[in-house]
């Protein structure tokens, strides 16, 4: 299934599927694959960075995954209406010194009629964790296994 196979307006089923498709794509850590879910002129705010365009998205993701090693992400649907979806997420990664982090965040997504995302705004906070505090354990890169708990089922 491609990002353009699910188009607005969203219902609960299509919004949930859209979120899981995004999670699976991001867990590939493939900037080219991930960037194809966004319009050519998509607008992004990620933490303090604001930029526009698929090429800039791809460059951002390349930088991100050089720094954020062994990245594993879980996204969950928070709310939806029309062509918008709100998501909460957590991901874990470590730096080149071996320090692990858990990132907590929220995203607001707006979609074009084509089903591609035309706007993404993300607020994210990182928390240093010990490796024994990790919650996300699956082979990477790759999707979260269906039997791995989501965020609602994860300890706080």
N, C-alpha and C. Protein backbone atom coordinates (compact mmCIF):
# COMPACT_ATOMS: atom_id res chain seq x y z
N UNK A 1 0.84 -1.18 0.00
CA UNK A 1 0.00 0.00 0.00
C UNK A 1 0.89 1.24 0.00
N UNK A 2 0.49 2.26 -0.75
CA UNK A 2 1.23 3.52 -0.85
C UNK A 2 0.51 4.61 -0.06
N UNK A 3 1.25 5.69 0.31
CA UNK A 3 0.61 6.80 1.04
C UNK A 3 -0.59 7.40 0.31
N UNK A 4 -0.56 7.35 -1.01
CA UNK A 4 -1.66 7.93 -1.79
C UNK A 4 -2.88 7.01 -1.85
N UNK A 5 -2.78 5.79 -1.32
CA UNK A 5 -3.93 4.88 -1.30
C UNK A 5 -4.94 5.26 -0.23
N UNK A 6 -4.52 6.03 0.76
CA UNK A 6 -5.43 6.46 1.83
C UNK A 6 -5.52 7.99 1.77
N UNK A 7 -6.70 8.46 1.44
CA UNK A 7 -6.90 9.90 1.21
C UNK A 7 -7.94 10.46 2.19
N UNK A 8 -7.84 11.75 2.46
CA UNK A 8 -8.89 12.37 3.28
C UNK A 8 -10.19 12.45 2.50
N UNK A 9 -11.29 12.59 3.25
CA UNK A 9 -11.42 12.74 4.70
C UNK A 9 -11.22 11.40 5.40
N UNK A 10 -10.63 11.46 6.59
CA UNK A 10 -10.29 10.27 7.35
C UNK A 10 -11.42 9.84 8.29
N UNK A 11 -11.55 8.54 8.44
CA UNK A 11 -12.35 7.98 9.52
C UNK A 11 -11.35 7.30 10.46
N UNK A 12 -11.83 6.70 11.54
CA UNK A 12 -10.91 6.13 12.52
C UNK A 12 -10.04 5.04 11.91
N UNK A 13 -10.63 4.20 11.09
CA UNK A 13 -9.87 3.11 10.48
C UNK A 13 -8.79 3.63 9.53
N UNK A 14 -9.14 4.56 8.66
CA UNK A 14 -8.15 5.07 7.70
C UNK A 14 -7.08 5.91 8.39
N UNK A 15 -7.45 6.67 9.41
CA UNK A 15 -6.46 7.47 10.15
C UNK A 15 -5.49 6.56 10.89
N UNK A 16 -6.00 5.51 11.51
CA UNK A 16 -5.15 4.55 12.23
C UNK A 16 -4.19 3.86 11.27
N UNK A 17 -4.68 3.48 10.11
CA UNK A 17 -3.84 2.84 9.10
C UNK A 17 -2.77 3.81 8.59
N UNK A 18 -3.15 5.06 8.38
CA UNK A 18 -2.20 6.07 7.91
C UNK A 18 -1.06 6.24 8.92
N UNK A 19 -1.40 6.25 10.21
CA UNK A 19 -0.39 6.40 11.26
C UNK A 19 0.55 5.20 11.25
N UNK A 20 0.01 3.99 11.16
CA UNK A 20 0.87 2.80 11.17
C UNK A 20 1.74 2.73 9.93
N UNK A 21 1.22 3.16 8.79
CA UNK A 21 2.03 3.21 7.58
C UNK A 21 3.20 4.18 7.76
N UNK A 22 2.94 5.32 8.38
CA UNK A 22 4.02 6.29 8.62
C UNK A 22 5.05 5.70 9.58
N UNK A 23 4.58 5.08 10.66
CA UNK A 23 5.50 4.44 11.61
C UNK A 23 6.39 3.42 10.89
N UNK A 24 5.78 2.56 10.11
CA UNK A 24 6.54 1.53 9.40
C UNK A 24 7.57 2.14 8.45
N UNK A 25 7.18 3.18 7.74
CA UNK A 25 8.12 3.83 6.82
C UNK A 25 9.30 4.44 7.59
N UNK A 26 9.01 5.18 8.66
CA UNK A 26 10.08 5.80 9.44
C UNK A 26 11.01 4.75 10.04
N UNK A 27 10.48 3.61 10.42
CA UNK A 27 11.33 2.56 11.00
C UNK A 27 12.25 1.90 9.97
N UNK A 28 12.05 2.16 8.69
CA UNK A 28 13.01 1.69 7.69
C UNK A 28 14.29 2.53 7.73
N UNK A 29 14.18 3.74 8.24
CA UNK A 29 15.28 4.72 8.25
C UNK A 29 15.79 4.97 6.83
N UNK A 30 14.91 4.94 5.88
CA UNK A 30 15.24 5.19 4.48
C UNK A 30 14.68 6.55 4.09
N UNK A 31 15.55 7.60 4.06
CA UNK A 31 15.07 8.96 3.76
C UNK A 31 14.32 9.07 2.44
N UNK A 32 14.74 8.31 1.44
CA UNK A 32 14.05 8.38 0.14
C UNK A 32 12.64 7.83 0.25
N UNK A 33 12.49 6.69 0.89
CA UNK A 33 11.17 6.08 1.05
C UNK A 33 10.25 6.98 1.88
N UNK A 34 10.75 7.47 3.01
CA UNK A 34 9.93 8.30 3.89
C UNK A 34 9.50 9.58 3.19
N UNK A 35 10.41 10.21 2.47
CA UNK A 35 10.10 11.50 1.84
C UNK A 35 9.00 11.41 0.79
N UNK A 36 8.77 10.24 0.24
CA UNK A 36 7.74 10.08 -0.80
C UNK A 36 6.32 10.20 -0.25
N UNK A 37 6.16 10.21 1.07
CA UNK A 37 4.83 10.37 1.67
C UNK A 37 4.43 11.84 1.78
N UNK A 38 5.32 12.75 1.37
CA UNK A 38 5.10 14.19 1.52
C UNK A 38 5.00 14.85 0.16
N UNK A 39 4.20 15.92 0.08
CA UNK A 39 4.10 16.67 -1.18
C UNK A 39 5.45 17.29 -1.50
N UNK A 40 5.63 17.64 -2.75
CA UNK A 40 6.90 18.26 -3.20
C UNK A 40 7.22 19.53 -2.41
N UNK A 41 6.19 20.27 -1.98
CA UNK A 41 6.42 21.53 -1.26
C UNK A 41 5.95 21.46 0.19
N UNK A 42 5.93 20.27 0.76
CA UNK A 42 5.49 20.07 2.14
C UNK A 42 6.25 20.98 3.10
N UNK A 43 5.53 21.51 4.08
CA UNK A 43 6.11 22.39 5.10
C UNK A 43 6.31 21.59 6.37
N UNK A 44 7.48 21.71 6.95
CA UNK A 44 7.82 20.98 8.18
C UNK A 44 8.29 21.93 9.27
N UNK A 45 7.87 21.61 10.49
CA UNK A 45 8.52 22.16 11.68
C UNK A 45 8.87 20.95 12.52
N UNK A 46 10.16 20.80 12.76
CA UNK A 46 10.65 19.69 13.59
C UNK A 46 11.54 20.30 14.66
N UNK A 47 11.03 20.29 15.89
CA UNK A 47 11.70 20.98 17.00
C UNK A 47 11.86 22.44 16.60
N UNK A 48 13.09 22.95 16.51
CA UNK A 48 13.31 24.36 16.17
C UNK A 48 13.57 24.57 14.68
N UNK A 49 13.61 23.50 13.90
CA UNK A 49 13.88 23.63 12.47
C UNK A 49 12.57 23.77 11.70
N UNK A 50 12.55 24.73 10.78
CA UNK A 50 11.40 24.92 9.89
C UNK A 50 11.96 24.93 8.47
N UNK A 51 11.37 24.11 7.60
CA UNK A 51 11.86 24.04 6.23
C UNK A 51 10.73 23.55 5.33
N UNK A 52 10.98 23.57 4.03
CA UNK A 52 9.94 23.22 3.07
C UNK A 52 10.55 22.44 1.92
N UNK A 53 9.81 21.47 1.44
CA UNK A 53 10.17 20.74 0.24
C UNK A 53 10.70 19.34 0.50
N UNK A 54 10.37 18.45 -0.42
CA UNK A 54 10.75 17.05 -0.28
C UNK A 54 12.26 16.86 -0.23
N UNK A 55 13.01 17.63 -1.02
CA UNK A 55 14.47 17.50 -0.98
C UNK A 55 15.02 17.87 0.41
N UNK A 56 14.48 18.91 1.02
CA UNK A 56 14.92 19.31 2.36
C UNK A 56 14.50 18.28 3.41
N UNK A 57 13.35 17.65 3.21
CA UNK A 57 12.92 16.58 4.11
C UNK A 57 13.92 15.43 4.04
N UNK A 58 14.26 15.04 2.84
CA UNK A 58 15.22 13.95 2.65
C UNK A 58 16.56 14.27 3.31
N UNK A 59 17.06 15.49 3.11
CA UNK A 59 18.33 15.91 3.72
C UNK A 59 18.23 15.90 5.24
N UNK A 60 17.12 16.38 5.78
CA UNK A 60 16.91 16.37 7.23
C UNK A 60 16.97 14.93 7.77
N UNK A 61 16.25 14.02 7.12
CA UNK A 61 16.21 12.63 7.58
C UNK A 61 17.58 11.96 7.48
N UNK A 62 18.34 12.28 6.45
CA UNK A 62 19.70 11.74 6.34
C UNK A 62 20.54 12.18 7.54
N UNK A 63 20.48 13.45 7.90
CA UNK A 63 21.22 13.97 9.07
C UNK A 63 20.73 13.30 10.35
N UNK A 64 19.42 13.18 10.47
CA UNK A 64 18.81 12.61 11.68
C UNK A 64 19.33 11.21 11.95
N UNK A 65 19.30 10.35 10.93
CA UNK A 65 19.62 8.95 11.16
C UNK A 65 21.11 8.67 11.16
N UNK A 66 21.94 9.64 10.81
CA UNK A 66 23.38 9.52 11.05
C UNK A 66 23.66 9.71 12.54
N UNK A 67 22.89 10.58 13.17
CA UNK A 67 23.06 10.88 14.60
C UNK A 67 22.29 9.90 15.48
N UNK A 68 21.06 9.58 15.13
CA UNK A 68 20.16 8.77 15.96
C UNK A 68 20.27 7.30 15.53
N UNK A 69 21.17 6.59 16.17
CA UNK A 69 21.50 5.21 15.79
C UNK A 69 20.52 4.22 16.41
N UNK A 70 20.28 3.12 15.70
CA UNK A 70 19.37 2.06 16.15
C UNK A 70 17.99 2.60 16.52
N UNK A 71 17.54 3.57 15.76
CA UNK A 71 16.25 4.24 15.93
C UNK A 71 15.10 3.25 15.84
N UNK A 72 14.19 3.33 16.82
CA UNK A 72 12.96 2.54 16.83
C UNK A 72 11.82 3.45 17.28
N UNK A 73 10.74 3.48 16.50
CA UNK A 73 9.66 4.45 16.68
C UNK A 73 8.32 3.75 16.83
N UNK A 74 7.49 4.29 17.73
CA UNK A 74 6.09 3.90 17.81
C UNK A 74 5.24 5.17 17.74
N UNK A 75 4.26 5.18 16.83
CA UNK A 75 3.31 6.29 16.68
C UNK A 75 1.92 5.77 17.02
N UNK A 76 1.10 6.65 17.61
CA UNK A 76 -0.30 6.31 17.86
C UNK A 76 -1.21 7.46 17.48
N UNK A 77 -2.34 7.11 16.93
CA UNK A 77 -3.36 8.10 16.59
C UNK A 77 -3.85 8.76 17.87
N UNK A 78 -3.92 10.08 17.85
CA UNK A 78 -4.47 10.84 18.98
C UNK A 78 -5.85 11.40 18.62
N UNK A 79 -5.95 12.00 17.43
CA UNK A 79 -7.23 12.58 16.98
C UNK A 79 -7.19 12.75 15.46
N UNK A 80 -8.36 12.93 14.85
CA UNK A 80 -8.42 13.14 13.41
C UNK A 80 -9.69 13.90 13.08
N UNK A 81 -9.66 14.60 11.96
CA UNK A 81 -10.84 15.25 11.41
C UNK A 81 -10.52 15.67 9.97
N UNK A 82 -11.43 15.44 9.07
CA UNK A 82 -11.23 15.87 7.69
C UNK A 82 -9.90 15.41 7.13
N UNK A 83 -9.01 16.40 6.85
CA UNK A 83 -7.71 16.09 6.26
C UNK A 83 -6.57 16.22 7.27
N UNK A 84 -6.89 16.17 8.57
CA UNK A 84 -5.87 16.34 9.61
C UNK A 84 -5.85 15.15 10.55
N UNK A 85 -4.62 14.84 10.99
CA UNK A 85 -4.40 13.77 11.97
C UNK A 85 -3.43 14.29 13.01
N UNK A 86 -3.71 14.02 14.28
CA UNK A 86 -2.78 14.32 15.38
C UNK A 86 -2.26 12.99 15.91
N UNK A 87 -0.96 12.96 16.18
CA UNK A 87 -0.27 11.74 16.57
C UNK A 87 0.57 12.02 17.80
N UNK A 88 0.66 11.03 18.69
CA UNK A 88 1.67 11.07 19.74
C UNK A 88 2.64 9.94 19.43
N UNK A 89 3.89 10.13 19.84
CA UNK A 89 4.88 9.12 19.52
C UNK A 89 5.99 9.09 20.55
N UNK A 90 6.72 7.99 20.53
CA UNK A 90 7.96 7.84 21.28
C UNK A 90 8.92 7.10 20.38
N UNK A 91 10.19 7.44 20.50
CA UNK A 91 11.20 6.65 19.83
C UNK A 91 12.44 6.58 20.70
N UNK A 92 13.21 5.52 20.47
CA UNK A 92 14.45 5.32 21.20
C UNK A 92 15.60 5.26 20.21
N UNK A 93 16.74 5.75 20.65
CA UNK A 93 17.94 5.77 19.83
C UNK A 93 19.15 5.96 20.74
N UNK A 94 20.33 5.74 20.18
CA UNK A 94 21.54 6.03 20.94
C UNK A 94 22.50 6.83 20.05
N UNK A 95 23.37 7.58 20.71
CA UNK A 95 24.37 8.35 19.98
C UNK A 95 25.61 7.48 19.76
N UNK A 96 26.61 8.05 19.09
CA UNK A 96 27.81 7.28 18.78
C UNK A 96 28.66 6.98 20.02
N UNK A 97 28.34 7.59 21.16
CA UNK A 97 29.00 7.29 22.42
C UNK A 97 28.29 6.21 23.21
N UNK A 98 27.15 5.71 22.72
CA UNK A 98 26.42 4.65 23.39
C UNK A 98 25.33 5.12 24.34
N UNK A 99 25.13 6.45 24.47
CA UNK A 99 24.07 6.96 25.35
C UNK A 99 22.72 6.77 24.67
N UNK A 100 21.79 6.11 25.38
CA UNK A 100 20.44 5.91 24.87
C UNK A 100 19.54 7.07 25.26
N UNK A 101 18.53 7.33 24.42
CA UNK A 101 17.54 8.37 24.65
C UNK A 101 16.17 7.82 24.30
N UNK A 102 15.17 8.35 24.98
CA UNK A 102 13.77 8.16 24.56
C UNK A 102 13.24 9.54 24.23
N UNK A 103 12.72 9.68 23.04
CA UNK A 103 12.11 10.94 22.60
C UNK A 103 10.60 10.81 22.72
N UNK A 104 9.98 11.83 23.29
CA UNK A 104 8.52 11.91 23.44
C UNK A 104 8.05 13.05 22.56
N UNK A 105 6.95 12.86 21.84
CA UNK A 105 6.50 13.95 21.00
C UNK A 105 5.08 13.84 20.52
N UNK A 106 4.67 14.93 19.88
CA UNK A 106 3.36 15.07 19.25
C UNK A 106 3.57 15.65 17.87
N UNK A 107 2.73 15.21 16.94
CA UNK A 107 2.77 15.74 15.59
C UNK A 107 1.37 16.13 15.16
N UNK A 108 1.29 17.15 14.35
CA UNK A 108 0.05 17.52 13.68
C UNK A 108 0.33 17.39 12.19
N UNK A 109 -0.52 16.65 11.52
CA UNK A 109 -0.37 16.39 10.10
C UNK A 109 -1.55 16.97 9.34
N UNK A 110 -1.26 17.55 8.19
CA UNK A 110 -2.31 18.01 7.27
C UNK A 110 -2.03 17.41 5.90
N UNK A 111 -3.07 16.86 5.27
CA UNK A 111 -2.91 16.14 4.02
C UNK A 111 -3.56 16.86 2.85
N UNK A 112 -2.92 16.71 1.69
CA UNK A 112 -3.51 17.15 0.42
C UNK A 112 -4.55 16.13 -0.01
N UNK A 113 -5.38 16.49 -0.96
CA UNK A 113 -6.40 15.58 -1.47
C UNK A 113 -5.79 14.30 -2.04
N UNK A 114 -4.53 14.35 -2.45
CA UNK A 114 -3.83 13.20 -3.02
C UNK A 114 -3.49 12.13 -1.99
N UNK A 115 -3.57 12.47 -0.69
CA UNK A 115 -3.17 11.56 0.37
C UNK A 115 -1.75 11.78 0.84
N UNK A 116 -1.02 12.69 0.19
CA UNK A 116 0.33 13.03 0.63
C UNK A 116 0.26 14.11 1.71
N UNK A 117 1.20 14.08 2.63
CA UNK A 117 1.21 15.05 3.72
C UNK A 117 1.77 16.37 3.20
N UNK A 118 1.03 17.45 3.44
CA UNK A 118 1.47 18.76 2.99
C UNK A 118 2.01 19.63 4.13
N UNK A 119 1.77 19.20 5.37
CA UNK A 119 2.28 19.94 6.52
C UNK A 119 2.49 18.97 7.67
N UNK A 120 3.65 19.14 8.35
CA UNK A 120 3.98 18.32 9.53
C UNK A 120 4.61 19.25 10.56
N UNK A 121 4.02 19.26 11.73
CA UNK A 121 4.58 20.05 12.84
C UNK A 121 4.83 19.09 13.99
N UNK A 122 6.09 19.06 14.47
CA UNK A 122 6.47 18.11 15.51
C UNK A 122 7.10 18.83 16.69
N UNK A 123 6.64 18.48 17.87
CA UNK A 123 7.24 18.93 19.13
C UNK A 123 7.81 17.69 19.80
N UNK A 124 9.09 17.76 20.18
CA UNK A 124 9.80 16.57 20.65
C UNK A 124 10.70 16.92 21.83
N UNK A 125 10.73 16.04 22.83
CA UNK A 125 11.64 16.17 23.96
C UNK A 125 12.40 14.86 24.11
N UNK A 126 13.71 14.96 24.38
CA UNK A 126 14.56 13.78 24.57
C UNK A 126 14.88 13.60 26.04
N UNK A 127 14.84 12.34 26.48
CA UNK A 127 15.19 11.98 27.84
C UNK A 127 16.31 10.95 27.80
N UNK A 128 17.47 11.24 28.38
CA UNK A 128 18.52 10.21 28.44
C UNK A 128 18.02 9.04 29.29
N UNK A 129 18.27 7.82 28.82
CA UNK A 129 17.88 6.62 29.55
C UNK A 129 19.07 5.66 29.58
N UNK A 130 19.04 4.74 30.54
CA UNK A 130 20.01 3.65 30.56
C UNK A 130 19.55 2.57 29.61
N UNK A 131 20.48 1.80 29.08
CA UNK A 131 20.10 0.77 28.11
C UNK A 131 19.09 -0.24 28.70
N UNK A 132 19.15 -0.47 30.03
CA UNK A 132 18.20 -1.41 30.63
C UNK A 132 16.80 -0.81 30.80
N UNK A 133 16.62 0.48 30.50
CA UNK A 133 15.31 1.13 30.56
C UNK A 133 14.60 1.14 29.21
N UNK A 134 15.27 0.63 28.20
CA UNK A 134 14.66 0.61 26.86
C UNK A 134 13.39 -0.22 26.86
N UNK A 135 12.43 0.21 26.04
CA UNK A 135 11.14 -0.49 25.90
C UNK A 135 10.94 -1.08 24.52
N UNK A 136 11.65 -0.57 23.54
CA UNK A 136 11.40 -0.93 22.15
C UNK A 136 12.50 -1.88 21.68
N UNK A 137 12.13 -3.13 21.53
CA UNK A 137 13.09 -4.18 21.18
C UNK A 137 12.58 -4.95 19.97
N UNK A 138 13.13 -4.66 18.82
CA UNK A 138 12.89 -5.47 17.63
C UNK A 138 14.04 -5.22 16.69
N UNK A 139 14.19 -6.11 15.72
CA UNK A 139 15.28 -5.98 14.76
C UNK A 139 15.08 -4.72 13.94
N UNK A 140 16.17 -4.01 13.71
CA UNK A 140 16.09 -2.80 12.91
C UNK A 140 17.08 -2.89 11.75
N UNK A 141 16.90 -2.14 10.66
CA UNK A 141 15.67 -1.38 10.45
C UNK A 141 14.53 -2.30 10.08
N UNK A 142 13.36 -1.84 10.36
CA UNK A 142 12.18 -2.62 10.02
C UNK A 142 11.00 -2.24 10.88
N UNK A 143 9.83 -2.71 10.50
CA UNK A 143 8.60 -2.33 11.22
C UNK A 143 8.54 -2.96 12.60
N UNK A 144 7.79 -2.32 13.47
CA UNK A 144 7.48 -2.89 14.79
C UNK A 144 6.64 -4.14 14.57
N UNK A 145 7.03 -5.25 15.19
CA UNK A 145 6.22 -6.47 15.03
C UNK A 145 4.81 -6.27 15.56
N UNK A 146 3.85 -6.94 14.96
CA UNK A 146 2.46 -6.81 15.37
C UNK A 146 2.23 -7.20 16.83
N UNK A 147 3.07 -8.09 17.37
CA UNK A 147 2.87 -8.52 18.76
C UNK A 147 3.61 -7.64 19.77
N UNK A 148 4.28 -6.58 19.31
CA UNK A 148 4.97 -5.65 20.22
C UNK A 148 3.96 -4.61 20.68
N UNK A 149 3.93 -4.33 21.99
CA UNK A 149 2.94 -3.39 22.50
C UNK A 149 3.13 -2.00 21.90
N UNK A 150 2.04 -1.25 21.89
CA UNK A 150 2.09 0.15 21.48
C UNK A 150 2.36 1.04 22.67
N UNK A 151 2.09 2.31 22.55
CA UNK A 151 2.36 3.25 23.63
C UNK A 151 1.35 3.14 24.76
N UNK A 152 0.11 2.90 24.44
CA UNK A 152 -0.92 2.79 25.48
C UNK A 152 -0.59 1.63 26.40
N UNK A 153 -0.03 0.56 25.84
CA UNK A 153 0.29 -0.62 26.63
C UNK A 153 1.65 -0.52 27.31
N UNK A 154 2.47 0.46 26.94
CA UNK A 154 3.81 0.59 27.51
C UNK A 154 3.76 1.24 28.88
N UNK A 155 4.69 0.86 29.75
CA UNK A 155 4.77 1.56 31.04
C UNK A 155 5.04 3.06 30.81
N UNK A 156 4.64 3.86 31.76
CA UNK A 156 4.81 5.31 31.61
C UNK A 156 6.25 5.71 31.69
